[in-house]
C-alpha atoms as a PDB file:
ATOM      1  CA  MET A   1       6.469 102.696 106.048  1.00  0.00           C
ATOM      2  CA  ASN A   2       5.764 105.274 108.724  1.00  0.00           C
ATOM      3  CA  VAL A   3       6.384 103.809 112.183  1.00  0.00           C
ATOM      4  CA  ASP A   4       5.696 105.600 115.463  1.00  0.00           C
ATOM      5  CA  ARG A   5       8.889 104.481 117.175  1.00  0.00           C
ATOM      6  CA  ASP A   6       8.034 106.101 120.504  1.00  0.00           C
ATOM      7  CA  SER A   7       4.780 104.096 120.702  1.00  0.00           C
ATOM      8  CA  GLU A   8       6.536 100.898 119.612  1.00  0.00           C
ATOM      9  CA  ILE A   9       9.272 101.334 122.233  1.00  0.00           C
ATOM     10  CA  SER A  10       6.695 102.107 124.909  1.00  0.00           C
ATOM     11  CA  ALA A  11       4.733  98.959 124.022  1.00  0.00           C
ATOM     12  CA  MET A  12       7.919  96.855 124.139  1.00  0.00           C
ATOM     13  CA  VAL A  13       8.887  98.301 127.530  1.00  0.00           C
ATOM     14  CA  SER A  14       5.422  97.379 128.850  1.00  0.00           C
ATOM     15  CA  ALA A  15       5.703  93.868 127.419  1.00  0.00           C
ATOM     16  CA  LYS A  16       9.181  93.441 128.936  1.00  0.00           C
ATOM     17  CA  ARG A  17       7.806  94.466 132.347  1.00  0.00           C
ATOM     18  CA  LEU A  18       5.127  91.781 132.099  1.00  0.00           C
ATOM     19  CA  LEU A  19       7.765  89.204 131.144  1.00  0.00           C
ATOM     20  CA  ARG A  20       9.999  90.299 134.013  1.00  0.00           C
ATOM     21  CA  ASP A  21       7.118  89.955 136.476  1.00  0.00           C
ATOM     22  CA  ALA A  22       6.313  86.466 135.147  1.00  0.00           C
ATOM     23  CA  ASP A  23       9.978  85.365 135.289  1.00  0.00           C
ATOM     24  CA  ARG A  24       9.839  84.381 138.966  1.00  0.00           C
ATOM     25  CA  GLU A  25      13.071  82.367 138.771  1.00  0.00           C
ATOM     26  CA  ALA A  26      14.988  85.214 137.090  1.00  0.00           C
ATOM     27  CA  LEU A  27      15.961  83.057 134.126  1.00  0.00           C
ATOM     28  CA  TRP A  28      16.347  85.955 131.676  1.00  0.00           C
ATOM     29  CA  ARG A  29      17.766  89.455 131.532  1.00  0.00           C
ATOM     30  CA  HIS A  30      15.138  92.177 131.334  1.00  0.00           C
ATOM     31  CA  ASP A  31      17.088  95.229 130.222  1.00  0.00           C
ATOM     32  CA  GLY A  32      15.438  98.300 128.788  1.00  0.00           C
ATOM     33  CA  PRO A  33      16.374 100.276 125.704  1.00  0.00           C
ATOM     34  CA  ARG A  34      19.456 102.483 125.776  1.00  0.00           C
ATOM     35  CA  SER A  35      19.279 106.262 125.524  1.00  0.00           C
ATOM     36  CA  PRO A  36      18.978 107.683 122.001  1.00  0.00           C
ATOM     37  CA  ALA A  37      22.053 107.909 119.780  1.00  0.00           C
ATOM     38  CA  THR A  38      23.146 111.218 118.327  1.00  0.00           C
ATOM     39  CA  GLU A  39      23.385 111.785 114.583  1.00  0.00           C
ATOM     40  CA  GLN A  40      27.162 111.990 115.042  1.00  0.00           C
ATOM     41  CA  ALA A  41      27.246 108.562 116.737  1.00  0.00           C
ATOM     42  CA  VAL A  42      25.243 107.051 113.863  1.00  0.00           C
ATOM     43  CA  ARG A  43      27.628 108.591 111.295  1.00  0.00           C
ATOM     44  CA  GLN A  44      30.650 107.277 113.216  1.00  0.00           C
ATOM     45  CA  ALA A  45      29.144 103.773 113.317  1.00  0.00           C
ATOM     46  CA  GLU A  46      28.501 103.905 109.566  1.00  0.00           C
ATOM     47  CA  GLU A  47      32.099 104.990 108.955  1.00  0.00           C
ATOM     48  CA  ALA A  48      33.399 102.196 111.184  1.00  0.00           C
ATOM     49  CA  ILE A  49      31.466  99.448 109.398  1.00  0.00           C
ATOM     50  CA  GLY A  50      31.939 100.945 105.948  1.00  0.00           C
ATOM     51  CA  PHE A  51      28.346 101.243 104.765  1.00  0.00           C
ATOM     52  CA  PRO A  52      25.187 103.244 105.557  1.00  0.00           C
ATOM     53  CA  LEU A  53      22.765 101.803 108.078  1.00  0.00           C
ATOM     54  CA  GLY A  54      19.662 102.953 106.213  1.00  0.00           C
ATOM     55  CA  ASN A  55      16.970 105.392 107.264  1.00  0.00           C
ATOM     56  CA  GLU A  56      14.839 102.927 109.261  1.00  0.00           C
ATOM     57  CA  TYR A  57      17.695 101.662 111.415  1.00  0.00           C
ATOM     58  CA  SER A  58      19.297 105.105 111.798  1.00  0.00           C
ATOM     59  CA  SER A  59      16.052 106.674 112.977  1.00  0.00           C
ATOM     60  CA  SER A  60      15.507 103.734 115.353  1.00  0.00           C
ATOM     61  CA  LEU A  61      18.956 104.302 116.840  1.00  0.00           C
ATOM     62  CA  MET A  62      18.080 107.941 117.444  1.00  0.00           C
ATOM     63  CA  LYS A  63      15.153 106.753 119.580  1.00  0.00           C
ATOM     64  CA  ALA A  64      17.015 103.920 121.348  1.00  0.00           C
ATOM     65  CA  ASP A  65      20.717 103.273 120.783  1.00  0.00           C
ATOM     66  CA  GLY A  66      20.322  99.527 120.933  1.00  0.00           C
ATOM     67  CA  TRP A  67      18.568  97.270 123.389  1.00  0.00           C
ATOM     68  CA  PRO A  68      20.444  94.589 125.325  1.00  0.00           C
ATOM     69  CA  ALA A  69      18.429  91.401 125.757  1.00  0.00           C
ATOM     70  CA  ILE A  70      15.510  92.714 123.694  1.00  0.00           C
ATOM     71  CA  LEU A  71      14.406  89.099 123.304  1.00  0.00           C
ATOM     72  CA  GLN A  72      15.855  86.892 126.011  1.00  0.00           C
ATOM     73  CA  GLU A  73      19.576  86.760 125.147  1.00  0.00           C
ATOM     74  CA  ILE A  74      19.282  88.497 121.755  1.00  0.00           C
ATOM     75  CA  ASP A  75      20.665  92.031 121.696  1.00  0.00           C
ATOM     76  CA  LEU A  76      19.598  94.774 119.299  1.00  0.00           C
ATOM     77  CA  PHE A  77      22.890  96.402 118.350  1.00  0.00           C
ATOM     78  CA  GLY A  78      23.391 100.100 118.967  1.00  0.00           C
ATOM     79  CA  CYS A  79      26.169 102.369 117.750  1.00  0.00           C
ATOM     80  CA  PRO A  80      28.727 101.213 120.359  1.00  0.00           C
ATOM     81  CA  ASP A  81      28.089  97.577 119.409  1.00  0.00           C
ATOM     82  CA  LEU A  82      28.479  98.268 115.697  1.00  0.00           C
ATOM     83  CA  THR A  83      31.973  99.627 116.239  1.00  0.00           C
ATOM     84  CA  GLY A  84      33.175  96.926 118.625  1.00  0.00           C
ATOM     85  CA  ALA A  85      34.116  93.294 118.852  1.00  0.00           C
ATOM     86  CA  ALA A  86      30.501  92.062 119.082  1.00  0.00           C
ATOM     87  CA  PHE A  87      29.734  93.309 115.583  1.00  0.00           C
ATOM     88  CA  SER A  88      32.978  91.920 114.158  1.00  0.00           C
ATOM     89  CA  THR A  89      32.244  88.516 115.680  1.00  0.00           C
ATOM     90  CA  ALA A  90      28.622  88.486 114.494  1.00  0.00           C
ATOM     91  CA  SER A  91      29.655  89.628 111.024  1.00  0.00           C
ATOM     92  CA  ALA A  92      32.284  86.891 110.760  1.00  0.00           C
ATOM     93  CA  ASP A  93      29.808  84.269 112.008  1.00  0.00           C
ATOM     94  CA  LEU A  94      27.190  85.351 109.485  1.00  0.00           C
ATOM     95  CA  GLY A  95      29.739  85.325 106.683  1.00  0.00           C
ATOM     96  CA  TYR A  96      30.734  81.791 107.638  1.00  0.00           C
ATOM     97  CA  LEU A  97      27.137  80.589 107.868  1.00  0.00           C
ATOM     98  CA  GLU A  98      26.104  82.353 104.666  1.00  0.00           C
ATOM     99  CA  HIS A  99      28.952  80.774 102.699  1.00  0.00           C
ATOM    100  CA  HIS A 100      28.284  77.272 104.009  1.00  0.00           C
ATOM    101  CA  ALA A 101      24.537  77.553 103.408  1.00  0.00           C
ATOM    102  CA  ALA A 102      25.182  78.667  99.816  1.00  0.00           C
ATOM    103  CA  GLU A 103      27.703  75.855  99.330  1.00  0.00           C
ATOM    104  CA  ALA A 104      25.272  73.256 100.715  1.00  0.00           C
ATOM    105  CA  ALA A 105      22.616  74.555  98.329  1.00  0.00           C
ATOM    106  CA  GLY A 106      25.030  74.203  95.407  1.00  0.00           C
ATOM    107  CA  LEU A 107      25.030  77.935  94.720  1.00  0.00           C
ATOM    108  CA  LEU A 108      28.807  78.503  94.784  1.00  0.00           C
ATOM    109  CA  ASN A 109      30.988  78.131  91.746  1.00  0.00           C
ATOM    110  CA  THR A 110      34.615  76.901  91.918  1.00  0.00           C
ATOM    111  CA  ASP A 111      36.109  80.428  91.924  1.00  0.00           C
ATOM    112  CA  MET A 112      33.970  81.461  94.894  1.00  0.00           C
ATOM    113  CA  LYS A 113      34.927  78.319  96.812  1.00  0.00           C
ATOM    114  CA  GLU A 114      38.635  79.016  96.263  1.00  0.00           C
ATOM    115  CA  ALA A 115      38.286  82.657  97.345  1.00  0.00           C
ATOM    116  CA  HIS A 116      36.601  81.587 100.585  1.00  0.00           C
ATOM    117  CA  ARG A 117      39.350  79.086 101.419  1.00  0.00           C
ATOM    118  CA  ARG A 118      42.051  81.823 101.213  1.00  0.00           C
END
């Protein structure tokens, strides 16, 4: 899929401005995208997390290195976030939720349940 990231970011910035103007009580953060990441920063993030980010995400990071509060209190992680405590916490939370959802659906065998308890 060929995405014009500059146009998409520009449209999101415009939409965020409209939301900010409508948020008369200042209930939400209205941050903009961060400056682009370098190829070196993307490689360092991949090394830190131990797997490649993929072409789509990598090229997005080189247009905007994350976006705090992209949707109310939801942050789009950039390279600094991927190498810090926020990523570790989110990764652990997802692992916990993923395991419990699979267990509730009856998709885990006994060996997998024991490995998770350790």
